[in-house]
Each structure stands twice: as structure tokens, then as C-alpha cells.
């Protein structure tokens, strides 16, 4: 599945997507940044409700394919600017984390 496919499936919104055709290898759900840094597999879609600028640093360190901000959480323009600067793909969805993952499994 590509980032573009995932965005469509989740009826999501592209906040910044540099690589819409990047393949997503797996997924990871979590909000404790130290866990995500150490446990999220490279090339995954990271499902979170975190919206602070530190998500960008974690995404770079863990080679996250796309950050999926769930539950309609608002992402500050400074975070989007940082994502642009670092080439981090980030989308949002109104679905909660469980609902988003369930939709992928059913999709």
C-alpha cells in the first residue's frame, strides 16, 4: 500500500506528503515517543494522536514512511513546516487509532 492509497482509504487529509507513492511496509501505533523511536519498524505508517514538533524528529530517527495523526487532532503549522524541511510525510484522519487500523485490515 502506498501513502496515497492509505490517505484515500482513511478519508484522510495530506498535511505534507513528499512521496505519495512510497510503499508502507508495516504499521505502528503509539504515543510514547521513546517507544516509537526504539520499536517502530523502518518504512511503517505510525498512527498517533501526538502533534508536537518532536514527532518529526522521531519520524526521521525511525525512518517512518508516514505519520498518521488520528482523531482529527490539529497539527500546528510549525510542525508541518518542520515536516516539509525534513521530508516527512504526514497525513491526518478523523478516525481514532483503532478505527484507522481496523479500516486498513478490512480494506
PDB file of N, CA and C in Angstrom:
ATOM      1  N   UNK A   1       0.851  -1.176   0.000  1.00  0.00           N
ATOM      2  CA  UNK A   1       0.000   0.000   0.000  1.00  0.00           C
ATOM      3  C   UNK A   1       0.898   1.241   0.000  1.00  0.00           C
ATOM      4  N   UNK A   2       0.489   2.237  -0.751  1.00  0.00           N
ATOM      5  CA  UNK A   2       1.246   3.492  -0.792  1.00  0.00           C
ATOM      6  C   UNK A   2       0.622   4.513   0.170  1.00  0.00           C
ATOM      7  N   UNK A   3       1.329   5.598   0.379  1.00  0.00           N
ATOM      8  CA  UNK A   3       0.805   6.672   1.220  1.00  0.00           C
ATOM      9  C   UNK A   3      -0.476   7.235   0.606  1.00  0.00           C
ATOM     10  N   UNK A   4      -0.502   7.372  -0.696  1.00  0.00           N
ATOM     11  CA  UNK A   4      -1.697   7.874  -1.379  1.00  0.00           C
ATOM     12  C   UNK A   4      -2.876   6.923  -1.153  1.00  0.00           C
ATOM     13  N   UNK A   5      -2.629   5.617  -1.266  1.00  0.00           N
ATOM     14  CA  UNK A   5      -3.675   4.619  -1.015  1.00  0.00           C
ATOM     15  C   UNK A   5      -4.200   4.725   0.414  1.00  0.00           C
ATOM     16  N   UNK A   6      -3.284   4.851   1.367  1.00  0.00           N
ATOM     17  CA  UNK A   6      -3.667   4.943   2.777  1.00  0.00           C
ATOM     18  C   UNK A   6      -4.489   6.197   3.043  1.00  0.00           C
ATOM     19  N   UNK A   7      -4.073   7.305   2.483  1.00  0.00           N
ATOM     20  CA  UNK A   7      -4.809   8.559   2.655  1.00  0.00           C
ATOM     21  C   UNK A   7      -6.237   8.413   2.151  1.00  0.00           C
ATOM     22  N   UNK A   8      -6.394   7.828   0.986  1.00  0.00           N
ATOM     23  CA  UNK A   8      -7.731   7.618   0.414  1.00  0.00           C
ATOM     24  C   UNK A   8      -8.553   6.666   1.267  1.00  0.00           C
ATOM     25  N   UNK A   9      -7.957   5.567   1.701  1.00  0.00           N
ATOM     26  CA  UNK A   9      -8.663   4.574   2.492  1.00  0.00           C
ATOM     27  C   UNK A   9      -9.187   5.152   3.806  1.00  0.00           C
ATOM     28  N   UNK A  10      -8.381   6.008   4.427  1.00  0.00           N
ATOM     29  CA  UNK A  10      -8.751   6.601   5.716  1.00  0.00           C
ATOM     30  C   UNK A  10      -9.560   7.880   5.554  1.00  0.00           C
ATOM     31  N   UNK A  11      -9.869   8.234   4.295  1.00  0.00           N
ATOM     32  CA  UNK A  11     -10.529   9.507   4.002  1.00  0.00           C
ATOM     33  C   UNK A  11      -9.769  10.625   4.714  1.00  0.00           C
ATOM     34  N   UNK A  12      -8.450  10.542   4.559  1.00  0.00           N
ATOM     35  CA  UNK A  12      -7.551  11.442   5.252  1.00  0.00           C
ATOM     36  C   UNK A  12      -7.246  12.706   4.478  1.00  0.00           C
ATOM     37  N   UNK A  13      -6.433  13.492   5.100  1.00  0.00           N
ATOM     38  CA  UNK A  13      -6.009  14.771   4.538  1.00  0.00           C
ATOM     39  C   UNK A  13      -4.483  14.790   4.523  1.00  0.00           C
ATOM     40  N   UNK A  14      -3.923  15.167   3.390  1.00  0.00           N
ATOM     41  CA  UNK A  14      -2.467  15.312   3.305  1.00  0.00           C
ATOM     42  C   UNK A  14      -2.065  16.625   3.968  1.00  0.00           C
ATOM     43  N   UNK A  15      -1.298  16.537   5.039  1.00  0.00           N
ATOM     44  CA  UNK A  15      -0.770  17.748   5.664  1.00  0.00           C
ATOM     45  C   UNK A  15       0.530  18.142   4.986  1.00  0.00           C
ATOM     46  N   UNK A  16       1.353  17.155   4.702  1.00  0.00           N
ATOM     47  CA  UNK A  16       2.517  17.320   3.831  1.00  0.00           C
ATOM     48  C   UNK A  16       2.907  15.927   3.365  1.00  0.00           C
ATOM     49  N   UNK A  17       2.906  15.722   2.071  1.00  0.00           N
ATOM     50  CA  UNK A  17       3.293  14.428   1.515  1.00  0.00           C
ATOM     51  C   UNK A  17       4.256  14.690   0.366  1.00  0.00           C
ATOM     52  N   UNK A  18       5.498  14.329   0.611  1.00  0.00           N
ATOM     53  CA  UNK A  18       6.545  14.488  -0.388  1.00  0.00           C
ATOM     54  C   UNK A  18       6.604  13.265  -1.315  1.00  0.00           C
ATOM     55  N   UNK A  19       6.251  12.104  -0.763  1.00  0.00           N
ATOM     56  CA  UNK A  19       6.374  10.847  -1.511  1.00  0.00           C
ATOM     57  C   UNK A  19       5.046  10.082  -1.505  1.00  0.00           C
ATOM     58  N   UNK A  20       4.048  10.524  -2.259  1.00  0.00           N
ATOM     59  CA  UNK A  20       2.740   9.854  -2.224  1.00  0.00           C
ATOM     60  C   UNK A  20       2.788   8.387  -2.657  1.00  0.00           C
ATOM     61  N   UNK A  21       3.789   8.022  -3.448  1.00  0.00           N
ATOM     62  CA  UNK A  21       3.885   6.644  -3.935  1.00  0.00           C
ATOM     63  C   UNK A  21       4.830   5.768  -3.112  1.00  0.00           C
ATOM     64  N   UNK A  22       5.304   6.300  -1.975  1.00  0.00           N
ATOM     65  CA  UNK A  22       6.167   5.488  -1.117  1.00  0.00           C
ATOM     66  C   UNK A  22       5.360   4.321  -0.550  1.00  0.00           C
ATOM     67  N   UNK A  23       5.939   3.155  -0.604  1.00  0.00           N
ATOM     68  CA  UNK A  23       5.287   1.956  -0.092  1.00  0.00           C
ATOM     69  C   UNK A  23       5.395   1.907   1.426  1.00  0.00           C
ATOM     70  N   UNK A  24       4.287   1.573   2.049  1.00  0.00           N
ATOM     71  CA  UNK A  24       4.246   1.392   3.504  1.00  0.00           C
ATOM     72  C   UNK A  24       4.478  -0.086   3.772  1.00  0.00           C
ATOM     73  N   UNK A  25       5.506  -0.375   4.550  1.00  0.00           N
ATOM     74  CA  UNK A  25       5.911  -1.764   4.806  1.00  0.00           C
ATOM     75  C   UNK A  25       5.148  -2.410   5.957  1.00  0.00           C
ATOM     76  N   UNK A  26       4.706  -1.603   6.931  1.00  0.00           N
ATOM     77  CA  UNK A  26       4.034  -2.129   8.124  1.00  0.00           C
ATOM     78  C   UNK A  26       3.392  -0.959   8.855  1.00  0.00           C
ATOM     79  N   UNK A  27       2.948  -1.207  10.062  1.00  0.00           N
ATOM     80  CA  UNK A  27       2.343  -0.144  10.847  1.00  0.00           C
ATOM     81  C   UNK A  27       2.802  -0.191  12.285  1.00  0.00           C
ATOM     82  N   UNK A  28       2.629   0.930  12.964  1.00  0.00           N
ATOM     83  CA  UNK A  28       2.957   1.008  14.387  1.00  0.00           C
ATOM     84  C   UNK A  28       2.024   2.027  15.018  1.00  0.00           C
ATOM     85  N   UNK A  29       1.477   1.698  16.174  1.00  0.00           N
ATOM     86  CA  UNK A  29       0.608   2.618  16.895  1.00  0.00           C
ATOM     87  C   UNK A  29       1.214   2.905  18.250  1.00  0.00           C
ATOM     88  N   UNK A  30       1.310   4.178  18.591  1.00  0.00           N
ATOM     89  CA  UNK A  30       1.844   4.535  19.894  1.00  0.00           C
ATOM     90  C   UNK A  30       2.049   6.020  20.032  1.00  0.00           C
ATOM     91  N   UNK A  31       2.026   6.463  21.282  1.00  0.00           N
ATOM     92  CA  UNK A  31       2.188   7.878  21.582  1.00  0.00           C
ATOM     93  C   UNK A  31       3.375   8.165  22.484  1.00  0.00           C
ATOM     94  N   UNK A  32       3.989   7.149  23.023  1.00  0.00           N
ATOM     95  CA  UNK A  32       5.168   7.349  23.860  1.00  0.00           C
ATOM     96  C   UNK A  32       6.378   7.396  22.922  1.00  0.00           C
ATOM     97  N   UNK A  33       6.901   8.593  22.728  1.00  0.00           N
ATOM     98  CA  UNK A  33       7.906   8.816  21.684  1.00  0.00           C
ATOM     99  C   UNK A  33       9.134   7.931  21.830  1.00  0.00           C
ATOM    100  N   UNK A  34       9.567   7.664  23.044  1.00  0.00           N
ATOM    101  CA  UNK A  34      10.746   6.805  23.221  1.00  0.00           C
ATOM    102  C   UNK A  34      10.463   5.380  22.757  1.00  0.00           C
ATOM    103  N   UNK A  35       9.238   4.890  22.946  1.00  0.00           N
ATOM    104  CA  UNK A  35       8.870   3.571  22.447  1.00  0.00           C
ATOM    105  C   UNK A  35       8.869   3.570  20.925  1.00  0.00           C
ATOM    106  N   UNK A  36       8.288   4.589  20.337  1.00  0.00           N
ATOM    107  CA  UNK A  36       8.214   4.665  18.879  1.00  0.00           C
ATOM    108  C   UNK A  36       9.620   4.690  18.290  1.00  0.00           C
ATOM    109  N   UNK A  37      10.492   5.493  18.873  1.00  0.00           N
ATOM    110  CA  UNK A  37      11.874   5.583  18.381  1.00  0.00           C
ATOM    111  C   UNK A  37      12.560   4.231  18.382  1.00  0.00           C
ATOM    112  N   UNK A  38      12.341   3.462  19.437  1.00  0.00           N
ATOM    113  CA  UNK A  38      13.040   2.188  19.578  1.00  0.00           C
ATOM    114  C   UNK A  38      12.346   0.987  18.977  1.00  0.00           C
ATOM    115  N   UNK A  39      11.047   1.107  18.684  1.00  0.00           N
ATOM    116  CA  UNK A  39      10.296  -0.075  18.292  1.00  0.00           C
ATOM    117  C   UNK A  39       9.590   0.001  16.942  1.00  0.00           C
ATOM    118  N   UNK A  40       9.340   1.186  16.436  1.00  0.00           N
ATOM    119  CA  UNK A  40       8.638   1.293  15.150  1.00  0.00           C
ATOM    120  C   UNK A  40       9.551   0.798  14.034  1.00  0.00           C
ATOM    121  N   UNK A  41       9.040  -0.097  13.203  1.00  0.00           N
ATOM    122  CA  UNK A  41       9.877  -0.597  12.111  1.00  0.00           C
ATOM    123  C   UNK A  41      10.067   0.441  11.008  1.00  0.00           C
ATOM    124  N   UNK A  42      11.205   0.393  10.382  1.00  0.00           N
ATOM    125  CA  UNK A  42      11.502   1.280   9.263  1.00  0.00           C
ATOM    126  C   UNK A  42      10.451   1.098   8.171  1.00  0.00           C
ATOM    127  N   UNK A  43      10.019   2.207   7.585  1.00  0.00           N
ATOM    128  CA  UNK A  43       9.073   2.156   6.483  1.00  0.00           C
ATOM    129  C   UNK A  43       7.621   1.970   6.893  1.00  0.00           C
ATOM    130  N   UNK A  44       7.324   2.177   8.178  1.00  0.00           N
ATOM    131  CA  UNK A  44       5.960   1.947   8.659  1.00  0.00           C
ATOM    132  C   UNK A  44       5.099   3.204   8.590  1.00  0.00           C
ATOM    133  N   UNK A  45       3.794   2.978   8.728  1.00  0.00           N
ATOM    134  CA  UNK A  45       2.845   4.061   8.973  1.00  0.00           C
ATOM    135  C   UNK A  45       2.708   4.133  10.493  1.00  0.00           C
ATOM    136  N   UNK A  46       2.959   5.299  11.053  1.00  0.00           N
ATOM    137  CA  UNK A  46       2.889   5.485  12.502  1.00  0.00           C
ATOM    138  C   UNK A  46       1.581   6.178  12.841  1.00  0.00           C
ATOM    139  N   UNK A  47       0.725   5.497  13.583  1.00  0.00           N
ATOM    140  CA  UNK A  47      -0.568   6.015  14.000  1.00  0.00           C
ATOM    141  C   UNK A  47      -0.442   6.605  15.397  1.00  0.00           C
ATOM    142  N   UNK A  48      -0.833   7.881  15.535  1.00  0.00           N
ATOM    143  CA  UNK A  48      -0.641   8.588  16.795  1.00  0.00           C
ATOM    144  C   UNK A  48      -1.653   9.715  16.945  1.00  0.00           C
ATOM    145  N   UNK A  49      -1.758  10.233  18.158  1.00  0.00           N
ATOM    146  CA  UNK A  49      -2.509  11.463  18.396  1.00  0.00           C
ATOM    147  C   UNK A  49      -1.563  12.585  18.806  1.00  0.00           C
ATOM    148  N   UNK A  50      -0.286  12.272  18.840  1.00  0.00           N
ATOM    149  CA  UNK A  50       0.722  13.288  19.185  1.00  0.00           C
ATOM    150  C   UNK A  50       0.827  14.301  18.053  1.00  0.00           C
ATOM    151  N   UNK A  51       0.957  15.568  18.416  1.00  0.00           N
ATOM    152  CA  UNK A  51       1.051  16.596  17.381  1.00  0.00           C
ATOM    153  C   UNK A  51       2.180  17.589  17.634  1.00  0.00           C
ATOM    154  N   UNK A  52       3.003  17.337  18.630  1.00  0.00           N
ATOM    155  CA  UNK A  52       4.076  18.305  18.873  1.00  0.00           C
ATOM    156  C   UNK A  52       5.232  18.081  17.907  1.00  0.00           C
ATOM    157  N   UNK A  53       6.098  19.028  17.843  1.00  0.00           N
ATOM    158  CA  UNK A  53       7.176  19.029  16.851  1.00  0.00           C
ATOM    159  C   UNK A  53       8.121  17.838  16.990  1.00  0.00           C
ATOM    160  N   UNK A  54       8.137  17.207  18.149  1.00  0.00           N
ATOM    161  CA  UNK A  54       9.015  16.057  18.359  1.00  0.00           C
ATOM    162  C   UNK A  54       8.645  14.853  17.496  1.00  0.00           C
ATOM    163  N   UNK A  55       7.420  14.819  16.964  1.00  0.00           N
ATOM    164  CA  UNK A  55       7.059  13.698  16.083  1.00  0.00           C
ATOM    165  C   UNK A  55       7.928  13.704  14.834  1.00  0.00           C
ATOM    166  N   UNK A  56       8.369  14.862  14.426  1.00  0.00           N
ATOM    167  CA  UNK A  56       9.234  14.961  13.235  1.00  0.00           C
ATOM    168  C   UNK A  56      10.588  14.317  13.499  1.00  0.00           C
ATOM    169  N   UNK A  57      11.160  14.594  14.644  1.00  0.00           N
ATOM    170  CA  UNK A  57      12.460  14.009  14.990  1.00  0.00           C
ATOM    171  C   UNK A  57      12.359  12.492  15.090  1.00  0.00           C
ATOM    172  N   UNK A  58      11.309  12.012  15.715  1.00  0.00           N
ATOM    173  CA  UNK A  58      11.108  10.565  15.839  1.00  0.00           C
ATOM    174  C   UNK A  58      10.955   9.934  14.464  1.00  0.00           C
ATOM    175  N   UNK A  59      10.186  10.563  13.592  1.00  0.00           N
ATOM    176  CA  UNK A  59       9.973  10.022  12.244  1.00  0.00           C
ATOM    177  C   UNK A  59      11.286   9.905  11.472  1.00  0.00           C
ATOM    178  N   UNK A  60      12.156  10.883  11.625  1.00  0.00           N
ATOM    179  CA  UNK A  60      13.458  10.837  10.950  1.00  0.00           C
ATOM    180  C   UNK A  60      14.318   9.718  11.532  1.00  0.00           C
ATOM    181  N   UNK A  61      14.403   9.656  12.861  1.00  0.00           N
ATOM    182  CA  UNK A  61      15.248   8.646  13.509  1.00  0.00           C
ATOM    183  C   UNK A  61      14.798   7.219  13.214  1.00  0.00           C
ATOM    184  N   UNK A  62      13.499   7.008  13.126  1.00  0.00           N
ATOM    185  CA  UNK A  62      12.970   5.655  12.925  1.00  0.00           C
ATOM    186  C   UNK A  62      12.671   5.348  11.462  1.00  0.00           C
ATOM    187  N   UNK A  63      12.937   6.271  10.568  1.00  0.00           N
ATOM    188  CA  UNK A  63      12.641   6.116   9.137  1.00  0.00           C
ATOM    189  C   UNK A  63      11.180   5.725   8.920  1.00  0.00           C
ATOM    190  N   UNK A  64      10.290   6.511   9.514  1.00  0.00           N
ATOM    191  CA  UNK A  64       8.849   6.313   9.389  1.00  0.00           C
ATOM    192  C   UNK A  64       8.431   6.719   7.974  1.00  0.00           C
ATOM    193  N   UNK A  65       7.628   5.885   7.300  1.00  0.00           N
ATOM    194  CA  UNK A  65       7.168   6.232   5.949  1.00  0.00           C
ATOM    195  C   UNK A  65       6.162   7.370   5.991  1.00  0.00           C
ATOM    196  N   UNK A  66       5.242   7.326   6.959  1.00  0.00           N
ATOM    197  CA  UNK A  66       4.224   8.362   7.079  1.00  0.00           C
ATOM    198  C   UNK A  66       3.712   8.415   8.519  1.00  0.00           C
ATOM    199  N   UNK A  67       3.529   9.614   9.013  1.00  0.00           N
ATOM    200  CA  UNK A  67       2.871   9.809  10.294  1.00  0.00           C
ATOM    201  C   UNK A  67       1.387   9.975  10.003  1.00  0.00           C
ATOM    202  N   UNK A  68       0.552   9.218  10.706  1.00  0.00           N
ATOM    203  CA  UNK A  68      -0.897   9.329  10.570  1.00  0.00           C
ATOM    204  C   UNK A  68      -1.436   9.894  11.884  1.00  0.00           C
ATOM    205  N   UNK A  69      -1.816  11.161  11.857  1.00  0.00           N
ATOM    206  CA  UNK A  69      -2.364  11.818  13.051  1.00  0.00           C
ATOM    207  C   UNK A  69      -3.861  11.527  13.076  1.00  0.00           C
ATOM    208  N   UNK A  70      -4.295  10.857  14.117  1.00  0.00           N
ATOM    209  CA  UNK A  70      -5.673  10.377  14.203  1.00  0.00           C
ATOM    210  C   UNK A  70      -6.561  11.288  15.056  1.00  0.00           C
ATOM    211  N   UNK A  71      -7.841  10.974  15.050  1.00  0.00           N
ATOM    212  CA  UNK A  71      -8.872  11.644  15.849  1.00  0.00           C
ATOM    213  C   UNK A  71      -9.041  13.118  15.515  1.00  0.00           C
ATOM    214  N   UNK A  72      -8.648  13.501  14.319  1.00  0.00           N
ATOM    215  CA  UNK A  72      -8.814  14.886  13.909  1.00  0.00           C
ATOM    216  C   UNK A  72      -7.977  15.870  14.713  1.00  0.00           C
ATOM    217  N   UNK A  73      -6.941  15.370  15.369  1.00  0.00           N
ATOM    218  CA  UNK A  73      -6.074  16.254  16.162  1.00  0.00           C
ATOM    219  C   UNK A  73      -5.439  17.296  15.245  1.00  0.00           C
ATOM    220  N   UNK A  74      -5.438  18.519  15.693  1.00  0.00           N
ATOM    221  CA  UNK A  74      -4.884  19.631  14.915  1.00  0.00           C
ATOM    222  C   UNK A  74      -3.359  19.621  14.973  1.00  0.00           C
ATOM    223  N   UNK A  75      -2.748  19.752  13.825  1.00  0.00           N
ATOM    224  CA  UNK A  75      -1.293  19.813  13.737  1.00  0.00           C
ATOM    225  C   UNK A  75      -0.902  21.252  13.447  1.00  0.00           C
ATOM    226  N   UNK A  76      -0.083  21.806  14.311  1.00  0.00           N
ATOM    227  CA  UNK A  76       0.369  23.186  14.211  1.00  0.00           C
ATOM    228  C   UNK A  76       1.165  23.399  12.927  1.00  0.00           C
ATOM    229  N   UNK A  77       1.063  24.585  12.371  1.00  0.00           N
ATOM    230  CA  UNK A  77       1.787  24.920  11.140  1.00  0.00           C
ATOM    231  C   UNK A  77       3.297  24.783  11.317  1.00  0.00           C
ATOM    232  N   UNK A  78       3.820  24.997  12.525  1.00  0.00           N
ATOM    233  CA  UNK A  78       5.258  24.819  12.765  1.00  0.00           C
ATOM    234  C   UNK A  78       5.684  23.365  12.572  1.00  0.00           C
ATOM    235  N   UNK A  79       4.811  22.445  12.949  1.00  0.00           N
ATOM    236  CA  UNK A  79       5.104  21.022  12.773  1.00  0.00           C
ATOM    237  C   UNK A  79       5.084  20.678  11.285  1.00  0.00           C
ATOM    238  N   UNK A  80       4.106  21.198  10.569  1.00  0.00           N
ATOM    239  CA  UNK A  80       4.034  20.952   9.121  1.00  0.00           C
ATOM    240  C   UNK A  80       5.253  21.550   8.410  1.00  0.00           C
ATOM    241  N   UNK A  81       5.673  22.726   8.840  1.00  0.00           N
ATOM    242  CA  UNK A  81       6.872  23.353   8.262  1.00  0.00           C
ATOM    243  C   UNK A  81       8.104  22.491   8.515  1.00  0.00           C
ATOM    244  N   UNK A  82       8.210  21.919   9.707  1.00  0.00           N
ATOM    245  CA  UNK A  82       9.338  21.042  10.042  1.00  0.00           C
ATOM    246  C   UNK A  82       9.283  19.771   9.195  1.00  0.00           C
ATOM    247  N   UNK A  83       8.075  19.246   8.983  1.00  0.00           N
ATOM    248  CA  UNK A  83       7.911  18.059   8.138  1.00  0.00           C
ATOM    249  C   UNK A  83       8.381  18.361   6.712  1.00  0.00           C
ATOM    250  N   UNK A  84       8.029  19.522   6.210  1.00  0.00           N
ATOM    251  CA  UNK A  84       8.493  19.936   4.868  1.00  0.00           C
ATOM    252  C   UNK A  84      10.006  20.006   4.824  1.00  0.00           C
ATOM    253  N   UNK A  85      10.563  20.640   5.832  1.00  0.00           N
ATOM    254  CA  UNK A  85      12.020  20.833   5.895  1.00  0.00           C
ATOM    255  C   UNK A  85      12.761  19.498   5.933  1.00  0.00           C
ATOM    256  N   UNK A  86      12.187  18.512   6.628  1.00  0.00           N
ATOM    257  CA  UNK A  86      12.875  17.232   6.805  1.00  0.00           C
ATOM    258  C   UNK A  86      12.361  16.129   5.867  1.00  0.00           C
ATOM    259  N   UNK A  87      11.407  16.466   5.007  1.00  0.00           N
ATOM    260  CA  UNK A  87      10.892  15.482   4.061  1.00  0.00           C
ATOM    261  C   UNK A  87      10.085  14.373   4.713  1.00  0.00           C
ATOM    262  N   UNK A  88       9.312  14.721   5.724  1.00  0.00           N
ATOM    263  CA  UNK A  88       8.498  13.751   6.462  1.00  0.00           C
ATOM    264  C   UNK A  88       7.070  13.795   5.937  1.00  0.00           C
ATOM    265  N   UNK A  89       6.563  12.647   5.549  1.00  0.00           N
ATOM    266  CA  UNK A  89       5.178  12.547   5.097  1.00  0.00           C
ATOM    267  C   UNK A  89       4.262  12.519   6.313  1.00  0.00           C
ATOM    268  N   UNK A  90       3.208  13.335   6.279  1.00  0.00           N
ATOM    269  CA  UNK A  90       2.285  13.395   7.409  1.00  0.00           C
ATOM    270  C   UNK A  90       0.863  13.621   6.895  1.00  0.00           C
ATOM    271  N   UNK A  91      -0.038  12.750   7.346  1.00  0.00           N
ATOM    272  CA  UNK A  91      -1.448  12.865   6.976  1.00  0.00           C
ATOM    273  C   UNK A  91      -2.281  12.867   8.253  1.00  0.00           C
ATOM    274  N   UNK A  92      -3.548  13.231   8.118  1.00  0.00           N
ATOM    275  CA  UNK A  92      -4.440  13.187   9.277  1.00  0.00           C
ATOM    276  C   UNK A  92      -5.740  12.495   8.886  1.00  0.00           C
ATOM    277  N   UNK A  93      -6.431  11.990   9.890  1.00  0.00           N
ATOM    278  CA  UNK A  93      -7.728  11.358   9.701  1.00  0.00           C
ATOM    279  C   UNK A  93      -8.604  11.662  10.909  1.00  0.00           C
ATOM    280  N   UNK A  94      -9.896  11.654  10.696  1.00  0.00           N
ATOM    281  CA  UNK A  94     -10.854  11.841  11.788  1.00  0.00           C
ATOM    282  C   UNK A  94     -11.014  10.556  12.595  1.00  0.00           C
ATOM    283  N   UNK A  95     -10.607   9.427  12.029  1.00  0.00           N
ATOM    284  CA  UNK A  95     -10.754   8.143  12.710  1.00  0.00           C
ATOM    285  C   UNK A  95      -9.852   8.066  13.934  1.00  0.00           C
ATOM    286  N   UNK A  96     -10.291   7.303  14.948  1.00  0.00           N
ATOM    287  CA  UNK A  96      -9.387   7.040  16.069  1.00  0.00           C
ATOM    288  C   UNK A  96      -8.380   5.977  15.613  1.00  0.00           C
ATOM    289  N   UNK A  97      -7.384   5.729  16.415  1.00  0.00           N
ATOM    290  CA  UNK A  97      -6.309   4.821  16.012  1.00  0.00           C
ATOM    291  C   UNK A  97      -6.857   3.427  15.723  1.00  0.00           C
ATOM    292  N   UNK A  98      -7.696   2.902  16.612  1.00  0.00           N
ATOM    293  CA  UNK A  98      -8.264   1.578  16.408  1.00  0.00           C
ATOM    294  C   UNK A  98      -9.079   1.532  15.122  1.00  0.00           C
ATOM    295  N   UNK A  99      -9.903   2.542  14.910  1.00  0.00           N
ATOM    296  CA  UNK A  99     -10.742   2.595  13.714  1.00  0.00           C
ATOM    297  C   UNK A  99      -9.932   2.671  12.436  1.00  0.00           C
ATOM    298  N   UNK A 100      -8.843   3.423  12.468  1.00  0.00           N
ATOM    299  CA  UNK A 100      -7.975   3.547  11.284  1.00  0.00           C
ATOM    300  C   UNK A 100      -7.320   2.217  10.948  1.00  0.00           C
ATOM    301  N   UNK A 101      -6.804   1.554  11.957  1.00  0.00           N
ATOM    302  CA  UNK A 101      -6.147   0.276  11.726  1.00  0.00           C
ATOM    303  C   UNK A 101      -7.165  -0.781  11.286  1.00  0.00           C
ATOM    304  N   UNK A 102      -8.330  -0.767  11.898  1.00  0.00           N
ATOM    305  CA  UNK A 102      -9.390  -1.696  11.515  1.00  0.00           C
ATOM    306  C   UNK A 102      -9.796  -1.488  10.048  1.00  0.00           C
ATOM    307  N   UNK A 103      -9.870  -0.237   9.631  1.00  0.00           N
ATOM    308  CA  UNK A 103     -10.231   0.075   8.245  1.00  0.00           C
ATOM    309  C   UNK A 103      -9.199  -0.484   7.267  1.00  0.00           C
ATOM    310  N   UNK A 104      -7.939  -0.421   7.636  1.00  0.00           N
ATOM    311  CA  UNK A 104      -6.866  -0.980   6.794  1.00  0.00           C
ATOM    312  C   UNK A 104      -7.020  -2.484   6.689  1.00  0.00           C
ATOM    313  N   UNK A 105      -7.296  -3.112   7.806  1.00  0.00           N
ATOM    314  CA  UNK A 105      -7.449  -4.569   7.825  1.00  0.00           C
ATOM    315  C   UNK A 105      -8.629  -5.008   6.973  1.00  0.00           C
ATOM    316  N   UNK A 106      -9.692  -4.206   6.972  1.00  0.00           N
ATOM    317  CA  UNK A 106     -10.890  -4.535   6.195  1.00  0.00           C
ATOM    318  C   UNK A 106     -10.761  -4.124   4.738  1.00  0.00           C
ATOM    319  N   UNK A 107      -9.871  -3.135   4.491  1.00  0.00           N
ATOM    320  CA  UNK A 107      -9.763  -2.537   3.163  1.00  0.00           C
ATOM    321  C   UNK A 107      -9.094  -3.382   2.171  1.00  0.00           C
TER     322      UNK A 107
END
